[in-house]
Amino acid sequence: MKTSALAVTLAFLVSAAGPVYALTHQEKLACAMTAGNCLNTAKLLEKRIMEIKNEIAKNTNGSPEEVKKLDRKLQDAMDELKRVENET
């Protein structure tokens, strides 16, 4: 009795896990993103934005080209953060 119940339970679990192994790499990444990894990405982007802002503040007397480059990095990071926040 216990053996047959165990066999039925095992068969059910294996059949439920089958589709997980059939996912492509892109689908696995999408699952990971929806599972909460986006929060880590958002935190990393926020940290990067703060670092770029600090770098801009330190570089106020620097060359205009360097400031433009930092502004572009800042804008790119902010755009990426908005994209990540909109996905969640």
PDB file of N, CA and C in Angstrom:
ATOM      1  N   MET A   1       0.830  -1.185   0.000  1.00  0.00           N
ATOM      2  CA  MET A   1       0.000   0.000   0.000  1.00  0.00           C
ATOM      3  C   MET A   1       0.876   1.250   0.000  1.00  0.00           C
ATOM      4  N   LYS A   2       1.882   1.292   0.898  1.00  0.00           N
ATOM      5  CA  LYS A   2       2.751   2.456   0.966  1.00  0.00           C
ATOM      6  C   LYS A   2       3.578   2.603  -0.305  1.00  0.00           C
ATOM      7  N   THR A   3       3.981   1.478  -0.858  1.00  0.00           N
ATOM      8  CA  THR A   3       4.811   1.496  -2.055  1.00  0.00           C
ATOM      9  C   THR A   3       4.033   2.044  -3.239  1.00  0.00           C
ATOM     10  N   SER A   4       2.788   1.653  -3.394  1.00  0.00           N
ATOM     11  CA  SER A   4       1.986   2.136  -4.521  1.00  0.00           C
ATOM     12  C   SER A   4       1.666   3.630  -4.357  1.00  0.00           C
ATOM     13  N   ALA A   5       1.409   4.066  -3.134  1.00  0.00           N
ATOM     14  CA  ALA A   5       1.154   5.487  -2.890  1.00  0.00           C
ATOM     15  C   ALA A   5       2.405   6.307  -3.181  1.00  0.00           C
ATOM     16  N   LEU A   6       3.553   5.774  -2.806  1.00  0.00           N
ATOM     17  CA  LEU A   6       4.817   6.442  -3.085  1.00  0.00           C
ATOM     18  C   LEU A   6       5.085   6.506  -4.588  1.00  0.00           C
ATOM     19  N   ALA A   7       4.776   5.441  -5.297  1.00  0.00           N
ATOM     20  CA  ALA A   7       4.982   5.395  -6.745  1.00  0.00           C
ATOM     21  C   ALA A   7       4.078   6.401  -7.460  1.00  0.00           C
ATOM     22  N   VAL A   8       2.828   6.504  -7.027  1.00  0.00           N
ATOM     23  CA  VAL A   8       1.893   7.462  -7.627  1.00  0.00           C
ATOM     24  C   VAL A   8       2.359   8.894  -7.352  1.00  0.00           C
ATOM     25  N   THR A   9       2.775   9.160  -6.133  1.00  0.00           N
ATOM     26  CA  THR A   9       3.262  10.499  -5.777  1.00  0.00           C
ATOM     27  C   THR A   9       4.506  10.841  -6.577  1.00  0.00           C
ATOM     28  N   LEU A  10       5.414   9.914  -6.700  1.00  0.00           N
ATOM     29  CA  LEU A  10       6.636  10.139  -7.461  1.00  0.00           C
ATOM     30  C   LEU A  10       6.327  10.395  -8.937  1.00  0.00           C
ATOM     31  N   ALA A  11       5.400   9.647  -9.499  1.00  0.00           N
ATOM     32  CA  ALA A  11       5.015   9.844 -10.898  1.00  0.00           C
ATOM     33  C   ALA A  11       4.400  11.226 -11.101  1.00  0.00           C
ATOM     34  N   PHE A  12       3.596  11.653 -10.162  1.00  0.00           N
ATOM     35  CA  PHE A  12       2.984  12.978 -10.253  1.00  0.00           C
ATOM     36  C   PHE A  12       4.045  14.080 -10.194  1.00  0.00           C
ATOM     37  N   LEU A  13       4.981  13.953  -9.277  1.00  0.00           N
ATOM     38  CA  LEU A  13       6.026  14.966  -9.147  1.00  0.00           C
ATOM     39  C   LEU A  13       6.925  15.027 -10.378  1.00  0.00           C
ATOM     40  N   VAL A  14       7.249  13.885 -10.933  1.00  0.00           N
ATOM     41  CA  VAL A  14       8.098  13.859 -12.124  1.00  0.00           C
ATOM     42  C   VAL A  14       7.363  14.469 -13.311  1.00  0.00           C
ATOM     43  N   SER A  15       6.084  14.183 -13.457  1.00  0.00           N
ATOM     44  CA  SER A  15       5.326  14.742 -14.579  1.00  0.00           C
ATOM     45  C   SER A  15       5.156  16.251 -14.423  1.00  0.00           C
ATOM     46  N   ALA A  16       5.066  16.735 -13.202  1.00  0.00           N
ATOM     47  CA  ALA A  16       4.928  18.177 -12.973  1.00  0.00           C
ATOM     48  C   ALA A  16       6.245  18.897 -13.218  1.00  0.00           C
ATOM     49  N   ALA A  17       7.356  18.240 -12.986  1.00  0.00           N
ATOM     50  CA  ALA A  17       8.663  18.860 -13.164  1.00  0.00           C
ATOM     51  C   ALA A  17       9.142  18.802 -14.605  1.00  0.00           C
ATOM     52  N   GLY A  18       8.534  18.008 -15.425  1.00  0.00           N
ATOM     53  CA  GLY A  18       8.948  17.854 -16.820  1.00  0.00           C
ATOM     54  C   GLY A  18       9.014  19.143 -17.600  1.00  0.00           C
ATOM     55  N   PRO A  19       7.983  19.990 -17.568  1.00  0.00           N
ATOM     56  CA  PRO A  19       8.031  21.230 -18.343  1.00  0.00           C
ATOM     57  C   PRO A  19       9.153  22.180 -17.920  1.00  0.00           C
ATOM     58  N   VAL A  20       9.577  22.117 -16.698  1.00  0.00           N
ATOM     59  CA  VAL A  20      10.654  22.985 -16.234  1.00  0.00           C
ATOM     60  C   VAL A  20      11.943  22.666 -16.959  1.00  0.00           C
ATOM     61  N   TYR A  21      12.209  21.403 -17.184  1.00  0.00           N
ATOM     62  CA  TYR A  21      13.431  21.006 -17.868  1.00  0.00           C
ATOM     63  C   TYR A  21      13.363  21.265 -19.376  1.00  0.00           C
ATOM     64  N   ALA A  22      12.167  21.476 -19.898  1.00  0.00           N
ATOM     65  CA  ALA A  22      12.007  21.695 -21.324  1.00  0.00           C
ATOM     66  C   ALA A  22      12.149  23.169 -21.710  1.00  0.00           C
ATOM     67  N   LEU A  23      12.369  24.046 -20.758  1.00  0.00           N
ATOM     68  CA  LEU A  23      12.470  25.473 -21.047  1.00  0.00           C
ATOM     69  C   LEU A  23      13.764  25.795 -21.784  1.00  0.00           C
ATOM     70  N   THR A  24      13.672  26.787 -22.660  1.00  0.00           N
ATOM     71  CA  THR A  24      14.874  27.269 -23.327  1.00  0.00           C
ATOM     72  C   THR A  24      15.627  28.188 -22.373  1.00  0.00           C
ATOM     73  N   HIS A  25      16.804  28.577 -22.779  1.00  0.00           N
ATOM     74  CA  HIS A  25      17.611  29.460 -21.938  1.00  0.00           C
ATOM     75  C   HIS A  25      16.896  30.797 -21.718  1.00  0.00           C
ATOM     76  N   GLN A  26      16.294  31.347 -22.763  1.00  0.00           N
ATOM     77  CA  GLN A  26      15.568  32.621 -22.640  1.00  0.00           C
ATOM     78  C   GLN A  26      14.386  32.484 -21.682  1.00  0.00           C
ATOM     79  N   GLU A  27      13.673  31.379 -21.763  1.00  0.00           N
ATOM     80  CA  GLU A  27      12.536  31.176 -20.875  1.00  0.00           C
ATOM     81  C   GLU A  27      12.985  31.031 -19.431  1.00  0.00           C
ATOM     82  N   LYS A  28      14.116  30.368 -19.224  1.00  0.00           N
ATOM     83  CA  LYS A  28      14.648  30.247 -17.859  1.00  0.00           C
ATOM     84  C   LYS A  28      15.030  31.612 -17.319  1.00  0.00           C
ATOM     85  N   LEU A  29      15.630  32.458 -18.157  1.00  0.00           N
ATOM     86  CA  LEU A  29      15.980  33.803 -17.722  1.00  0.00           C
ATOM     87  C   LEU A  29      14.744  34.616 -17.378  1.00  0.00           C
ATOM     88  N   ALA A  30      13.700  34.473 -18.191  1.00  0.00           N
ATOM     89  CA  ALA A  30      12.454  35.191 -17.917  1.00  0.00           C
ATOM     90  C   ALA A  30      11.848  34.734 -16.593  1.00  0.00           C
ATOM     91  N   CYS A  31      11.904  33.435 -16.331  1.00  0.00           N
ATOM     92  CA  CYS A  31      11.390  32.919 -15.063  1.00  0.00           C
ATOM     93  C   CYS A  31      12.196  33.465 -13.887  1.00  0.00           C
ATOM     94  N   ALA A  32      13.499  33.537 -14.059  1.00  0.00           N
ATOM     95  CA  ALA A  32      14.340  34.059 -12.989  1.00  0.00           C
ATOM     96  C   ALA A  32      14.050  35.535 -12.743  1.00  0.00           C
ATOM     97  N   MET A  33      13.801  36.284 -13.805  1.00  0.00           N
ATOM     98  CA  MET A  33      13.519  37.708 -13.657  1.00  0.00           C
ATOM     99  C   MET A  33      12.197  37.928 -12.926  1.00  0.00           C
ATOM    100  N   THR A  34      11.195  37.124 -13.248  1.00  0.00           N
ATOM    101  CA  THR A  34       9.905  37.296 -12.601  1.00  0.00           C
ATOM    102  C   THR A  34       9.908  36.735 -11.186  1.00  0.00           C
ATOM    103  N   ALA A  35      10.910  35.959 -10.855  1.00  0.00           N
ATOM    104  CA  ALA A  35      10.984  35.370  -9.518  1.00  0.00           C
ATOM    105  C   ALA A  35      11.586  36.322  -8.498  1.00  0.00           C
ATOM    106  N   GLY A  36      11.954  37.515  -8.898  1.00  0.00           N
ATOM    107  CA  GLY A  36      12.457  38.479  -7.935  1.00  0.00           C
ATOM    108  C   GLY A  36      13.873  38.930  -8.183  1.00  0.00           C
ATOM    109  N   ASN A  37      14.526  38.395  -9.191  1.00  0.00           N
ATOM    110  CA  ASN A  37      15.883  38.833  -9.473  1.00  0.00           C
ATOM    111  C   ASN A  37      15.913  40.256 -10.006  1.00  0.00           C
ATOM    112  N   CYS A  38      14.797  40.772 -10.466  1.00  0.00           N
ATOM    113  CA  CYS A  38      14.734  42.153 -10.948  1.00  0.00           C
ATOM    114  C   CYS A  38      15.035  43.121  -9.813  1.00  0.00           C
ATOM    115  N   LEU A  39      14.667  42.749  -8.601  1.00  0.00           N
ATOM    116  CA  LEU A  39      14.927  43.633  -7.464  1.00  0.00           C
ATOM    117  C   LEU A  39      16.423  43.821  -7.270  1.00  0.00           C
ATOM    118  N   ASN A  40      17.179  42.753  -7.445  1.00  0.00           N
ATOM    119  CA  ASN A  40      18.623  42.873  -7.322  1.00  0.00           C
ATOM    120  C   ASN A  40      19.184  43.767  -8.419  1.00  0.00           C
ATOM    121  N   THR A  41      18.665  43.634  -9.623  1.00  0.00           N
ATOM    122  CA  THR A  41      19.107  44.459 -10.740  1.00  0.00           C
ATOM    123  C   THR A  41      18.795  45.916 -10.466  1.00  0.00           C
ATOM    124  N   ALA A  42      17.607  46.196  -9.945  1.00  0.00           N
ATOM    125  CA  ALA A  42      17.224  47.573  -9.650  1.00  0.00           C
ATOM    126  C   ALA A  42      18.134  48.171  -8.581  1.00  0.00           C
ATOM    127  N   LYS A  43      18.447  47.402  -7.570  1.00  0.00           N
ATOM    128  CA  LYS A  43      19.334  47.898  -6.520  1.00  0.00           C
ATOM    129  C   LYS A  43      20.724  48.180  -7.060  1.00  0.00           C
ATOM    130  N   LEU A  44      21.218  47.297  -7.916  1.00  0.00           N
ATOM    131  CA  LEU A  44      22.532  47.511  -8.523  1.00  0.00           C
ATOM    132  C   LEU A  44      22.535  48.750  -9.412  1.00  0.00           C
ATOM    133  N   LEU A  45      21.452  48.959 -10.153  1.00  0.00           N
ATOM    134  CA  LEU A  45      21.370  50.139 -11.007  1.00  0.00           C
ATOM    135  C   LEU A  45      21.294  51.420 -10.174  1.00  0.00           C
ATOM    136  N   GLU A  46      20.541  51.382  -9.070  1.00  0.00           N
ATOM    137  CA  GLU A  46      20.462  52.550  -8.196  1.00  0.00           C
ATOM    138  C   GLU A  46      21.840  52.884  -7.620  1.00  0.00           C
ATOM    139  N   LYS A  47      22.573  51.861  -7.241  1.00  0.00           N
ATOM    140  CA  LYS A  47      23.922  52.077  -6.717  1.00  0.00           C
ATOM    141  C   LYS A  47      24.818  52.676  -7.797  1.00  0.00           C
ATOM    142  N   ARG A  48      24.698  52.149  -9.014  1.00  0.00           N
ATOM    143  CA  ARG A  48      25.497  52.663 -10.134  1.00  0.00           C
ATOM    144  C   ARG A  48      25.156  54.124 -10.430  1.00  0.00           C
ATOM    145  N   ILE A  49      23.871  54.473 -10.359  1.00  0.00           N
ATOM    146  CA  ILE A  49      23.443  55.853 -10.591  1.00  0.00           C
ATOM    147  C   ILE A  49      24.045  56.780  -9.540  1.00  0.00           C
ATOM    148  N   MET A  50      24.030  56.343  -8.286  1.00  0.00           N
ATOM    149  CA  MET A  50      24.620  57.169  -7.226  1.00  0.00           C
ATOM    150  C   MET A  50      26.118  57.352  -7.440  1.00  0.00           C
ATOM    151  N   GLU A  51      26.801  56.294  -7.868  1.00  0.00           N
ATOM    152  CA  GLU A  51      28.240  56.398  -8.124  1.00  0.00           C
ATOM    153  C   GLU A  51      28.521  57.373  -9.264  1.00  0.00           C
ATOM    154  N   ILE A  52      27.715  57.328 -10.310  1.00  0.00           N
ATOM    155  CA  ILE A  52      27.916  58.240 -11.444  1.00  0.00           C
ATOM    156  C   ILE A  52      27.630  59.669 -11.019  1.00  0.00           C
ATOM    157  N   LYS A  53      26.588  59.880 -10.218  1.00  0.00           N
ATOM    158  CA  LYS A  53      26.283  61.231  -9.728  1.00  0.00           C
ATOM    159  C   LYS A  53      27.431  61.765  -8.879  1.00  0.00           C
ATOM    160  N   ASN A  54      28.003  60.920  -8.025  1.00  0.00           N
ATOM    161  CA  ASN A  54      29.142  61.341  -7.211  1.00  0.00           C
ATOM    162  C   ASN A  54      30.340  61.677  -8.082  1.00  0.00           C
ATOM    163  N   GLU A  55      30.536  60.887  -9.126  1.00  0.00           N
ATOM    164  CA  GLU A  55      31.646  61.132 -10.044  1.00  0.00           C
ATOM    165  C   GLU A  55      31.456  62.461 -10.784  1.00  0.00           C
ATOM    166  N   ILE A  56      30.217  62.760 -11.164  1.00  0.00           N
ATOM    167  CA  ILE A  56      29.925  64.033 -11.826  1.00  0.00           C
ATOM    168  C   ILE A  56      30.181  65.185 -10.872  1.00  0.00           C
ATOM    169  N   ALA A  57      29.767  65.024  -9.607  1.00  0.00           N
ATOM    170  CA  ALA A  57      29.985  66.089  -8.625  1.00  0.00           C
ATOM    171  C   ALA A  57      31.475  66.346  -8.404  1.00  0.00           C
ATOM    172  N   LYS A  58      32.269  65.297  -8.396  1.00  0.00           N
ATOM    173  CA  LYS A  58      33.716  65.445  -8.221  1.00  0.00           C
ATOM    174  C   LYS A  58      34.369  66.069  -9.442  1.00  0.00           C
ATOM    175  N   ASN A  59      33.778  65.877 -10.609  1.00  0.00           N
ATOM    176  CA  ASN A  59      34.397  66.268 -11.873  1.00  0.00           C
ATOM    177  C   ASN A  59      33.838  67.589 -12.416  1.00  0.00           C
ATOM    178  N   THR A  60      33.343  68.459 -11.556  1.00  0.00           N
ATOM    179  CA  THR A  60      32.756  69.717 -12.036  1.00  0.00           C
ATOM    180  C   THR A  60      33.789  70.619 -12.694  1.00  0.00           C
ATOM    181  N   ASN A  61      35.033  70.551 -12.294  1.00  0.00           N
ATOM    182  CA  ASN A  61      36.085  71.365 -12.896  1.00  0.00           C
ATOM    183  C   ASN A  61      36.795  70.641 -14.033  1.00  0.00           C
ATOM    184  N   GLY A  62      36.325  69.457 -14.379  1.00  0.00           N
ATOM    185  CA  GLY A  62      36.962  68.654 -15.421  1.00  0.00           C
ATOM    186  C   GLY A  62      36.575  69.114 -16.812  1.00  0.00           C
ATOM    187  N   SER A  63      37.003  68.366 -17.783  1.00  0.00           N
ATOM    188  CA  SER A  63      36.736  68.716 -19.177  1.00  0.00           C
ATOM    189  C   SER A  63      35.255  68.517 -19.510  1.00  0.00           C
ATOM    190  N   PRO A  64      34.730  69.340 -20.403  1.00  0.00           N
ATOM    191  CA  PRO A  64      33.316  69.206 -20.797  1.00  0.00           C
ATOM    192  C   PRO A  64      33.014  67.853 -21.449  1.00  0.00           C
ATOM    193  N   GLU A  65      34.011  67.297 -22.149  1.00  0.00           N
ATOM    194  CA  GLU A  65      33.790  65.998 -22.780  1.00  0.00           C
ATOM    195  C   GLU A  65      33.591  64.905 -21.740  1.00  0.00           C
ATOM    196  N   GLU A  66      34.381  64.978 -20.681  1.00  0.00           N
ATOM    197  CA  GLU A  66      34.264  63.985 -19.611  1.00  0.00           C
ATOM    198  C   GLU A  66      32.912  64.104 -18.909  1.00  0.00           C
ATOM    199  N   VAL A  67      32.468  65.327 -18.680  1.00  0.00           N
ATOM    200  CA  VAL A  67      31.167  65.544 -18.038  1.00  0.00           C
ATOM    201  C   VAL A  67      30.050  65.041 -18.944  1.00  0.00           C
ATOM    202  N   LYS A  68      30.160  65.283 -20.250  1.00  0.00           N
ATOM    203  CA  LYS A  68      29.153  64.781 -21.193  1.00  0.00           C
ATOM    204  C   LYS A  68      29.109  63.255 -21.183  1.00  0.00           C
ATOM    205  N   LYS A  69      30.287  62.639 -21.131  1.00  0.00           N
ATOM    206  CA  LYS A  69      30.356  61.181 -21.099  1.00  0.00           C
ATOM    207  C   LYS A  69      29.682  60.638 -19.836  1.00  0.00           C
ATOM    208  N   LEU A  70      29.939  61.282 -18.701  1.00  0.00           N
ATOM    209  CA  LEU A  70      29.317  60.858 -17.445  1.00  0.00           C
ATOM    210  C   LEU A  70      27.811  61.086 -17.467  1.00  0.00           C
ATOM    211  N   ASP A  71      27.377  62.214 -18.053  1.00  0.00           N
ATOM    212  CA  ASP A  71      25.941  62.474 -18.172  1.00  0.00           C
ATOM    213  C   ASP A  71      25.260  61.411 -19.025  1.00  0.00           C
ATOM    214  N   ARG A  72      25.936  60.991 -20.079  1.00  0.00           N
ATOM    215  CA  ARG A  72      25.385  59.956 -20.960  1.00  0.00           C
ATOM    216  C   ARG A  72      25.291  58.620 -20.218  1.00  0.00           C
ATOM    217  N   LYS A  73      26.325  58.296 -19.437  1.00  0.00           N
ATOM    218  CA  LYS A  73      26.284  57.076 -18.621  1.00  0.00           C
ATOM    219  C   LYS A  73      25.134  57.130 -17.624  1.00  0.00           C
ATOM    220  N   LEU A  74      24.957  58.302 -17.014  1.00  0.00           N
ATOM    221  CA  LEU A  74      23.880  58.485 -16.039  1.00  0.00           C
ATOM    222  C   LEU A  74      22.525  58.294 -16.702  1.00  0.00           C
ATOM    223  N   GLN A  75      22.343  58.904 -17.862  1.00  0.00           N
ATOM    224  CA  GLN A  75      21.072  58.777 -18.570  1.00  0.00           C
ATOM    225  C   GLN A  75      20.807  57.333 -18.978  1.00  0.00           C
ATOM    226  N   ASP A  76      21.828  56.640 -19.439  1.00  0.00           N
ATOM    227  CA  ASP A  76      21.670  55.229 -19.810  1.00  0.00           C
ATOM    228  C   ASP A  76      21.278  54.380 -18.604  1.00  0.00           C
ATOM    229  N   ALA A  77      21.924  54.624 -17.471  1.00  0.00           N
ATOM    230  CA  ALA A  77      21.612  53.861 -16.257  1.00  0.00           C
ATOM    231  C   ALA A  77      20.190  54.155 -15.788  1.00  0.00           C
ATOM    232  N   MET A  78      19.774  55.401 -15.877  1.00  0.00           N
ATOM    233  CA  MET A  78      18.410  55.752 -15.460  1.00  0.00           C
ATOM    234  C   MET A  78      17.374  55.135 -16.394  1.00  0.00           C
ATOM    235  N   ASP A  79      17.661  55.113 -17.685  1.00  0.00           N
ATOM    236  CA  ASP A  79      16.753  54.467 -18.639  1.00  0.00           C
ATOM    237  C   ASP A  79      16.639  52.969 -18.357  1.00  0.00           C
ATOM    238  N   GLU A  80      17.764  52.344 -18.068  1.00  0.00           N
ATOM    239  CA  GLU A  80      17.768  50.915 -17.757  1.00  0.00           C
ATOM    240  C   GLU A  80      16.971  50.635 -16.478  1.00  0.00           C
ATOM    241  N   LEU A  81      17.122  51.500 -15.478  1.00  0.00           N
ATOM    242  CA  LEU A  81      16.373  51.344 -14.234  1.00  0.00           C
ATOM    243  C   LEU A  81      14.872  51.461 -14.491  1.00  0.00           C
ATOM    244  N   LYS A  82      14.467  52.425 -15.305  1.00  0.00           N
ATOM    245  CA  LYS A  82      13.045  52.574 -15.625  1.00  0.00           C
ATOM    246  C   LYS A  82      12.532  51.338 -16.339  1.00  0.00           C
ATOM    247  N   ARG A  83      13.326  50.784 -17.261  1.00  0.00           N
ATOM    248  CA  ARG A  83      12.913  49.587 -17.983  1.00  0.00           C
ATOM    249  C   ARG A  83      12.732  48.411 -17.035  1.00  0.00           C
ATOM    250  N   VAL A  84      13.665  48.254 -16.096  1.00  0.00           N
ATOM    251  CA  VAL A  84      13.569  47.149 -15.132  1.00  0.00           C
ATOM    252  C   VAL A  84      12.373  47.337 -14.211  1.00  0.00           C
ATOM    253  N   GLU A  85      12.135  48.563 -13.779  1.00  0.00           N
ATOM    254  CA  GLU A  85      10.995  48.816 -12.888  1.00  0.00           C
ATOM    255  C   GLU A  85       9.679  48.603 -13.603  1.00  0.00           C
ATOM    256  N   ASN A  86       9.608  48.910 -14.880  1.00  0.00           N
ATOM    257  CA  ASN A  86       8.364  48.710 -15.639  1.00  0.00           C
ATOM    258  C   ASN A  86       8.083  47.241 -15.900  1.00  0.00           C
ATOM    259  N   GLU A  87       9.120  46.415 -15.942  1.00  0.00           N
ATOM    260  CA  GLU A  87       8.944  44.982 -16.171  1.00  0.00           C
ATOM    261  C   GLU A  87       8.360  44.286 -14.957  1.00  0.00           C
ATOM    262  N   THR A  88       8.581  44.830 -13.783  1.00  0.00           N
ATOM    263  CA  THR A  88       8.094  44.139 -12.570  1.00  0.00           C
ATOM    264  C   THR A  88       6.689  44.505 -12.255  1.00  0.00           C
TER     265      THR A  88
END
